[in-house]
């Protein structure tokens, strides 16, 4: 009996092993077939900023053939967003870039609020308190062009990906089964077709305008000034890498980034004054006057970059039109302080790539495509209401 029990058990194990092996082969066959099917599906992404590149890479990793179109000849590398929050870091980890991303930036555990006239620290927030909630209880200050460039480098490893710099989208049309974008290059025009198109081409989105979607909202009356400075502010006051200075006369925000050389530099952000022209605000006299009033030193500040930009609070009336989707600044723009635009745009990219994958892999029907707009647009409208409330409170 013991022999029989042993034999039956062994026979059962062999039969189960064969079935499990068969199941693995079947699963592998199905996965291979799905991957082949995905490669027959092409997605065009317009815009090679961080949102467009993350969307393209996430789609390529799910097996889609991807074409990225960018009007500039390279990734724009002027100082822009750099603050990347814990939830976004988890997404960057999912696309396999987290180690490189952290290595090229600065880990910022704290952020602080200061009373600028009194030069006193009002509050300090410690991301370490989130350790039980996230694998990344900190913010990383990595400039957005670095994320775009490392994503493009990874995307080039996929044989079915195509990256087209110096290529401008000038028209878009679609039918029930495909979308076609007309592009213009120095050597002429070309029509590119795909199953889906993601418009991640910024606040002035050609794609959004081409499908006639309204960009609802307003523009703040004040502009923002950004100065990139080589002087070390931490040698002047005990601040951290992310600082917000309140002052009824003139607020200022101060952030440190690594810089392309890794030596570190600071971004000081100020509002313009009522009636101040762009030329006046960007002049040497006004720039150094602002910096010295905020943080007086005995020398002239070493400023390596200055820029002035408008601040908008707008949300597209729709994030989807048939086979065309909007993401990032093409879908929503907001006050730039705190990196909300960059972070929410990456969240758009990840959710959209997953949604398209679920539909095209047969795990969901096409009605799921509407979920992207329902979820992402409602979040952006909520953020816009918060920003409006903040603006009202600030102006009182």
Protein backbone atom coordinates (compact mmCIF):
# COMPACT_ATOMS: atom_id res chain seq x y z
CA UNK A 1 0.00 0.00 0.00
CA UNK A 2 2.80 2.32 0.88
CA UNK A 3 4.41 1.54 -2.48
CA UNK A 4 1.14 2.24 -4.26
CA UNK A 5 0.64 5.53 -2.40
CA UNK A 6 4.17 6.50 -3.28
CA UNK A 7 3.68 5.49 -6.89
CA UNK A 8 0.39 7.33 -7.20
CA UNK A 9 1.91 10.44 -5.68
CA UNK A 10 4.85 10.26 -8.05
CA UNK A 11 2.54 9.67 -11.00
CA UNK A 12 0.42 12.60 -9.93
CA UNK A 13 3.50 14.81 -9.66
CA UNK A 14 4.60 13.74 -13.15
CA UNK A 15 1.16 14.37 -14.64
CA UNK A 16 0.92 17.74 -12.87
CA UNK A 17 4.43 18.64 -13.94
CA UNK A 18 3.54 17.87 -17.55
CA UNK A 19 0.34 19.92 -17.27
CA UNK A 20 2.19 22.83 -15.61
CA UNK A 21 4.84 22.58 -18.30
CA UNK A 22 2.13 22.55 -20.95
CA UNK A 23 0.49 25.52 -19.25
CA UNK A 24 3.77 27.42 -19.25
CA UNK A 25 4.24 26.62 -22.92
CA UNK A 26 0.66 27.70 -23.62
CA UNK A 27 1.14 30.91 -21.61
CA UNK A 28 4.41 31.58 -23.40
CA UNK A 29 2.72 30.96 -26.75
CA UNK A 30 -0.12 33.32 -25.85
CA UNK A 31 2.34 35.95 -24.59
CA UNK A 32 4.41 35.64 -27.77
CA UNK A 33 1.28 35.94 -29.89
CA UNK A 34 0.11 39.00 -27.92
CA UNK A 35 3.55 40.58 -28.28
CA UNK A 36 3.44 39.95 -32.03
CA UNK A 37 -0.05 41.47 -32.15
CA UNK A 38 1.17 44.50 -30.17
CA UNK A 39 4.05 45.03 -32.59
CA UNK A 40 1.51 45.23 -35.40
CA UNK A 41 -0.10 48.11 -33.51
CA UNK A 42 1.65 51.47 -33.86
CA UNK A 43 1.32 54.47 -31.60
CA UNK A 44 2.48 57.94 -32.63
CA UNK A 45 3.57 60.28 -29.84
CA UNK A 46 3.85 63.96 -30.71
CA UNK A 47 6.33 65.69 -28.41
CA UNK A 48 9.67 64.46 -27.04
CA UNK A 49 9.46 66.14 -23.67
CA UNK A 50 9.40 64.01 -20.51
CA UNK A 51 5.68 63.20 -20.79
CA UNK A 52 5.83 62.14 -24.43
CA UNK A 53 8.99 60.10 -23.93
CA UNK A 54 7.63 58.32 -20.84
CA UNK A 55 4.43 57.51 -22.74
CA UNK A 56 6.43 56.22 -25.71
CA UNK A 57 8.75 54.10 -23.58
CA UNK A 58 5.91 52.62 -21.54
CA UNK A 59 4.08 51.71 -24.77
CA UNK A 60 7.22 50.19 -26.32
CA UNK A 61 7.79 48.09 -23.21
CA UNK A 62 4.26 46.73 -23.60
CA UNK A 63 5.10 45.61 -27.12
CA UNK A 64 3.76 48.45 -29.27
CA UNK A 65 5.63 49.88 -32.22
CA UNK A 66 6.18 53.56 -31.41
CA UNK A 67 7.01 56.68 -33.41
CA UNK A 68 7.99 59.88 -31.58
CA UNK A 69 7.74 63.19 -33.44
CA UNK A 70 9.52 66.30 -32.15
CA UNK A 71 9.71 69.67 -33.90
CA UNK A 72 13.02 70.65 -32.26
CA UNK A 73 16.33 69.15 -33.35
CA UNK A 74 17.00 67.82 -29.84
CA UNK A 75 15.41 67.66 -26.41
CA UNK A 76 14.90 71.16 -25.02
CA UNK A 77 17.41 71.57 -22.19
CA UNK A 78 16.67 75.05 -20.84
CA UNK A 79 15.87 75.19 -17.09
CA UNK A 80 12.37 73.85 -16.52
CA UNK A 81 10.68 71.51 -14.05
CA UNK A 82 12.86 69.31 -11.85
CA UNK A 83 10.85 68.28 -8.77
CA UNK A 84 9.74 64.64 -8.94
CA UNK A 85 7.48 63.33 -6.17
CA UNK A 86 7.43 59.84 -4.56
CA UNK A 87 4.45 58.48 -6.53
CA UNK A 88 6.11 59.58 -9.76
CA UNK A 89 9.40 57.99 -8.75
CA UNK A 90 7.54 54.68 -8.43
CA UNK A 91 6.41 55.09 -12.04
CA UNK A 92 9.92 55.89 -13.21
CA UNK A 93 11.00 52.71 -11.44
CA UNK A 94 8.38 50.76 -13.43
CA UNK A 95 9.93 51.85 -16.73
CA UNK A 96 13.40 50.88 -15.52
CA UNK A 97 15.03 54.30 -15.22
CA UNK A 98 15.02 54.95 -11.47
CA UNK A 99 18.69 54.27 -10.66
CA UNK A 100 19.93 56.47 -13.48
CA UNK A 101 17.32 59.12 -12.67
CA UNK A 102 18.35 59.39 -9.01
CA UNK A 103 22.05 59.34 -9.92
CA UNK A 104 21.61 62.38 -12.20
CA UNK A 105 19.68 64.42 -9.64
CA UNK A 106 19.63 65.47 -6.00
CA UNK A 107 17.66 63.61 -3.33
CA UNK A 108 15.60 66.14 -1.34
CA UNK A 109 14.18 64.71 1.87
CA UNK A 110 12.87 68.03 3.21
CA UNK A 111 11.09 71.13 2.02
CA UNK A 112 10.78 74.34 4.02
CA UNK A 113 8.61 77.44 4.35
CA UNK A 114 10.32 80.64 5.44
CA UNK A 115 9.33 84.13 6.60
CA UNK A 116 11.56 86.08 4.28
CA UNK A 117 11.54 89.52 6.02
CA UNK A 118 12.31 87.92 9.40
CA UNK A 119 14.68 85.33 7.90
CA UNK A 120 13.07 82.67 10.12
CA UNK A 121 12.04 79.11 9.34
CA UNK A 122 8.27 78.70 9.71
CA UNK A 123 7.80 75.01 8.90
CA UNK A 124 9.77 72.02 7.69
CA UNK A 125 8.23 68.94 6.09
CA UNK A 126 10.03 65.59 6.14
CA UNK A 127 9.22 63.01 3.45
CA UNK A 128 10.72 60.32 5.67
CA UNK A 129 7.33 60.22 7.42
CA UNK A 130 6.01 58.54 4.25
CA UNK A 131 8.39 55.59 4.51
CA UNK A 132 5.55 53.14 5.24
CA UNK A 133 3.61 54.45 2.22
CA UNK A 134 6.24 54.48 -0.52
CA UNK A 135 9.58 53.02 -1.50
CA UNK A 136 10.79 56.56 -2.15
CA UNK A 137 10.21 58.77 0.93
CA UNK A 138 11.86 61.77 -0.72
CA UNK A 139 11.73 64.02 -3.75
CA UNK A 140 14.37 63.90 -6.47
CA UNK A 141 15.48 67.12 -8.12
CA UNK A 142 16.33 65.88 -11.63
CA UNK A 143 15.85 68.32 -14.49
CA UNK A 144 13.15 67.17 -16.90
CA UNK A 145 15.42 67.13 -19.97
CA UNK A 146 17.54 64.46 -18.29
CA UNK A 147 14.49 62.19 -17.94
CA UNK A 148 13.59 62.77 -21.60
CA UNK A 149 17.13 62.01 -22.79
CA UNK A 150 17.54 58.84 -20.74
CA UNK A 151 14.09 57.68 -21.91
CA UNK A 152 15.03 58.26 -25.55
CA UNK A 153 18.25 56.31 -25.10
CA UNK A 154 16.26 53.39 -23.72
CA UNK A 155 13.61 53.72 -26.44
CA UNK A 156 16.26 53.42 -29.16
CA UNK A 157 16.91 49.87 -27.95
CA UNK A 158 13.50 48.79 -29.28
CA UNK A 159 13.75 47.83 -32.97
CA UNK A 160 10.15 48.88 -33.64
CA UNK A 161 10.62 52.40 -32.26
CA UNK A 162 11.33 55.45 -34.38
CA UNK A 163 12.36 58.90 -33.09
CA UNK A 164 12.03 61.82 -35.50
CA UNK A 165 13.60 65.11 -34.42
CA UNK A 166 13.23 68.20 -36.59
CA UNK A 167 9.78 66.96 -37.57
CA UNK A 168 6.73 69.19 -37.12
CA UNK A 169 3.16 67.91 -36.98
CA UNK A 170 1.04 70.20 -39.14
CA UNK A 171 -2.27 68.34 -39.51
CA UNK A 172 -4.09 65.34 -38.09
CA UNK A 173 -7.09 63.30 -39.17
CA UNK A 174 -8.65 60.02 -38.14
CA UNK A 175 -11.27 57.43 -38.99
CA UNK A 176 -12.73 54.53 -37.04
CA UNK A 177 -9.62 52.37 -37.39
CA UNK A 178 -6.58 54.66 -37.65
CA UNK A 179 -5.17 58.15 -37.21
CA UNK A 180 -2.90 59.96 -39.67
CA UNK A 181 -0.64 62.91 -38.95
CA UNK A 182 0.96 65.02 -41.65
CA UNK A 183 4.48 66.03 -40.70
CA UNK A 184 6.88 68.52 -42.20
CA UNK A 185 10.64 68.04 -42.32
CA UNK A 186 13.40 69.99 -44.06
CA UNK A 187 13.20 67.51 -46.95
CA UNK A 188 9.43 67.69 -47.36
CA UNK A 189 6.13 66.44 -46.00
CA UNK A 190 5.02 62.94 -45.10
CA UNK A 191 1.89 61.21 -43.82
CA UNK A 192 2.35 58.86 -40.86
CA UNK A 193 -0.42 56.50 -39.79
CA UNK A 194 -0.97 54.60 -36.57
CA UNK A 195 -3.65 52.97 -34.47
CA UNK A 196 -3.48 55.71 -31.84
CA UNK A 197 -1.90 59.12 -31.38
CA UNK A 198 -0.83 60.75 -28.11
CA UNK A 199 -0.52 64.52 -28.20
CA UNK A 200 2.12 65.51 -25.64
CA UNK A 201 3.25 68.60 -27.51
CA UNK A 202 2.90 71.23 -24.79
CA UNK A 203 0.58 74.05 -23.87
CA UNK A 204 0.40 75.34 -27.46
CA UNK A 205 -0.40 71.82 -28.68
CA UNK A 206 -0.82 71.53 -32.44
CA UNK A 207 -2.71 68.28 -31.89
CA UNK A 208 -5.21 69.82 -29.47
CA UNK A 209 -5.82 72.72 -31.82
CA UNK A 210 -6.04 70.36 -34.81
CA UNK A 211 -8.91 68.40 -33.26
CA UNK A 212 -10.52 71.66 -32.08
CA UNK A 213 -10.59 71.02 -28.34
CA UNK A 214 -11.02 74.13 -26.21
CA UNK A 215 -8.37 74.96 -23.60
CA UNK A 216 -10.52 76.33 -20.80
CA UNK A 217 -9.19 78.49 -17.99
CA UNK A 218 -7.24 81.69 -17.45
CA UNK A 219 -3.79 83.25 -17.38
CA UNK A 220 -2.35 84.73 -14.18
CA UNK A 221 -1.81 88.51 -14.39
CA UNK A 222 1.75 88.21 -13.05
CA UNK A 223 4.60 86.48 -14.82
CA UNK A 224 7.32 84.43 -13.17
CA UNK A 225 11.04 85.16 -13.36
CA UNK A 226 13.54 82.33 -13.06
CA UNK A 227 17.25 82.94 -12.41
CA UNK A 228 19.78 80.10 -12.43
CA UNK A 229 22.63 80.95 -10.04
CA UNK A 230 25.96 79.25 -9.33
CA UNK A 231 26.40 80.84 -5.88
CA UNK A 232 25.67 78.47 -2.99
CA UNK A 233 22.66 79.69 -1.02
CA UNK A 234 23.25 77.10 1.70
CA UNK A 235 26.41 78.99 2.64
CA UNK A 236 24.24 82.05 3.33
CA UNK A 237 21.35 80.53 5.29
CA UNK A 238 20.44 77.10 6.71
CA UNK A 239 18.00 76.19 3.95
CA UNK A 240 17.40 72.83 2.26
CA UNK A 241 17.12 71.99 -1.46
CA UNK A 242 13.46 73.12 -1.74
CA UNK A 243 12.42 76.40 -0.10
CA UNK A 244 9.41 78.72 -0.23
CA UNK A 245 9.89 82.26 1.13
CA UNK A 246 6.73 84.20 2.01
CA UNK A 247 6.83 87.99 1.83
CA UNK A 248 3.89 90.39 1.29
CA UNK A 249 6.19 92.59 -0.77
CA UNK A 250 7.75 89.93 -3.01
CA UNK A 251 7.77 86.17 -2.47
CA UNK A 252 10.60 84.00 -3.75
CA UNK A 253 11.13 80.26 -4.16
CA UNK A 254 14.55 78.66 -4.08
CA UNK A 255 15.44 75.21 -5.43
CA UNK A 256 18.70 73.39 -5.97
CA UNK A 257 19.35 71.09 -8.95
CA UNK A 258 22.42 69.09 -9.93
CA UNK A 259 23.06 70.75 -13.28
CA UNK A 260 24.43 68.90 -16.29
CA UNK A 261 27.92 68.99 -14.78
CA UNK A 262 26.73 67.63 -11.41
CA UNK A 263 28.27 70.59 -9.56
CA UNK A 264 24.92 72.01 -8.47
CA UNK A 265 23.14 75.28 -9.13
CA UNK A 266 20.16 77.13 -7.69
CA UNK A 267 16.95 78.34 -9.27
CA UNK A 268 15.42 81.47 -7.72
CA UNK A 269 11.85 82.20 -8.83
CA UNK A 270 10.21 85.63 -8.34
CA UNK A 271 6.94 87.23 -9.47
CA UNK A 272 6.96 90.27 -11.73
CA UNK A 273 5.56 93.56 -10.46
CA UNK A 274 2.37 95.15 -11.74
CA UNK A 275 3.19 97.31 -14.73
CA UNK A 276 6.72 95.93 -15.11
CA UNK A 277 7.61 95.19 -18.74
CA UNK A 278 9.36 91.99 -19.77
CA UNK A 279 12.46 93.97 -20.75
CA UNK A 280 12.58 95.69 -17.36
CA UNK A 281 12.10 92.43 -15.44
CA UNK A 282 14.90 90.67 -17.34
CA UNK A 283 17.37 93.56 -17.14
CA UNK A 284 20.61 93.16 -15.17
CA UNK A 285 19.57 95.94 -12.80
CA UNK A 286 16.21 94.37 -11.93
CA UNK A 287 17.62 90.85 -11.72
CA UNK A 288 20.46 91.70 -9.34
CA UNK A 289 18.20 94.02 -7.37
CA UNK A 290 15.77 91.18 -6.70
CA UNK A 291 18.49 88.73 -5.71
CA UNK A 292 20.24 91.21 -3.41
CA UNK A 293 17.00 92.27 -1.70
CA UNK A 294 16.12 88.64 -1.07
CA UNK A 295 19.56 87.36 -0.13
CA UNK A 296 22.13 90.19 0.19
CA UNK A 297 25.77 89.27 -0.44
CA UNK A 298 28.94 91.32 -0.86
CA UNK A 299 29.48 90.34 -4.51
CA UNK A 300 27.57 90.23 -7.76
CA UNK A 301 25.58 87.04 -8.21
CA UNK A 302 26.89 84.60 -10.81
CA UNK A 303 23.76 84.14 -12.93
CA UNK A 304 24.07 81.69 -15.83
CA UNK A 305 20.49 81.74 -17.11
CA UNK A 306 17.39 83.89 -16.83
CA UNK A 307 13.92 83.45 -18.21
CA UNK A 308 10.43 84.88 -17.89
CA UNK A 309 7.25 82.92 -18.46
CA UNK A 310 3.51 83.30 -18.25
CA UNK A 311 1.57 81.19 -15.78
CA UNK A 312 -1.69 79.58 -16.85
CA UNK A 313 -4.46 77.57 -15.23
CA UNK A 314 -6.16 75.68 -18.07
CA UNK A 315 -7.69 72.25 -18.71
CA UNK A 316 -8.66 70.86 -22.10
CA UNK A 317 -12.41 70.36 -22.55
CA UNK A 318 -11.68 66.74 -23.54
CA UNK A 319 -8.65 64.50 -23.16
CA UNK A 320 -9.80 62.07 -25.85
CA UNK A 321 -11.20 62.40 -29.35
CA UNK A 322 -11.60 58.98 -30.97
CA UNK A 323 -8.12 57.52 -31.35
CA UNK A 324 -6.36 60.72 -30.31
CA UNK A 325 -5.42 61.44 -26.68
CA UNK A 326 -3.94 64.46 -24.93
CA UNK A 327 -1.40 64.23 -22.10
CA UNK A 328 0.75 66.57 -20.04
CA UNK A 329 0.71 70.28 -20.87
CA UNK A 330 -1.28 69.60 -24.03
CA UNK A 331 -4.14 68.56 -21.74
CA UNK A 332 -3.59 70.81 -18.71
CA UNK A 333 -1.33 73.62 -17.53
CA UNK A 334 -1.06 75.14 -14.07
CA UNK A 335 1.08 77.18 -11.70
CA UNK A 336 4.52 75.66 -12.12
CA UNK A 337 5.63 75.86 -8.48
CA UNK A 338 6.08 72.41 -6.96
CA UNK A 339 6.32 70.43 -10.17
CA UNK A 340 2.61 69.60 -10.41
CA UNK A 341 2.61 69.84 -14.21
CA UNK A 342 5.57 67.50 -14.73
CA UNK A 343 4.38 64.94 -12.19
CA UNK A 344 0.76 64.85 -13.31
CA UNK A 345 1.89 64.61 -16.92
CA UNK A 346 3.95 61.50 -16.17
CA UNK A 347 0.91 60.04 -14.40
CA UNK A 348 -1.10 60.77 -17.57
CA UNK A 349 1.49 58.95 -19.67
CA UNK A 350 1.57 55.84 -17.49
CA UNK A 351 -2.19 55.52 -17.16
CA UNK A 352 -2.74 56.07 -20.88
CA UNK A 353 -0.17 53.47 -21.93
CA UNK A 354 -1.72 50.92 -19.56
CA UNK A 355 -5.26 51.69 -20.75
CA UNK A 356 -4.37 51.25 -24.43
CA UNK A 357 -2.51 48.04 -23.61
CA UNK A 358 -5.51 46.55 -21.78
CA UNK A 359 -7.75 47.25 -24.77
CA UNK A 360 -5.35 46.07 -27.47
CA UNK A 361 -4.37 42.92 -25.57
CA UNK A 362 -8.03 41.91 -25.34
CA UNK A 363 -8.23 42.30 -21.57
CA UNK A 364 -10.83 45.06 -21.89
CA UNK A 365 -13.13 46.44 -24.56
CA UNK A 366 -12.82 49.87 -26.16
CA UNK A 367 -15.12 51.48 -23.62
CA UNK A 368 -12.15 51.44 -21.24
CA UNK A 369 -10.50 54.15 -23.35
CA UNK A 370 -13.01 56.62 -21.92
CA UNK A 371 -11.70 55.86 -18.43
CA UNK A 372 -8.50 57.77 -19.14
CA UNK A 373 -10.42 61.01 -19.61
CA UNK A 374 -12.76 60.36 -16.69
CA UNK A 375 -9.92 59.72 -14.27
CA UNK A 376 -7.23 62.08 -15.44
CA UNK A 377 -9.41 65.06 -16.35
CA UNK A 378 -11.31 64.93 -13.05
CA UNK A 379 -7.97 64.97 -11.19
CA UNK A 380 -6.77 67.97 -13.16
CA UNK A 381 -10.04 69.86 -12.67
CA UNK A 382 -9.73 69.18 -8.94
CA UNK A 383 -6.16 70.48 -8.95
CA UNK A 384 -7.30 73.57 -10.83
CA UNK A 385 -9.96 74.28 -8.20
CA UNK A 386 -7.33 73.96 -5.47
CA UNK A 387 -5.01 76.29 -7.37
CA UNK A 388 -7.84 78.79 -7.80
CA UNK A 389 -8.57 78.67 -4.07
CA UNK A 390 -4.88 79.16 -3.32
CA UNK A 391 -4.76 82.14 -5.63
CA UNK A 392 -7.83 83.72 -3.99
CA UNK A 393 -6.38 83.17 -0.51
CA UNK A 394 -3.03 84.64 -1.58
CA UNK A 395 -4.63 87.72 -3.11
CA UNK A 396 -6.73 88.53 -0.03
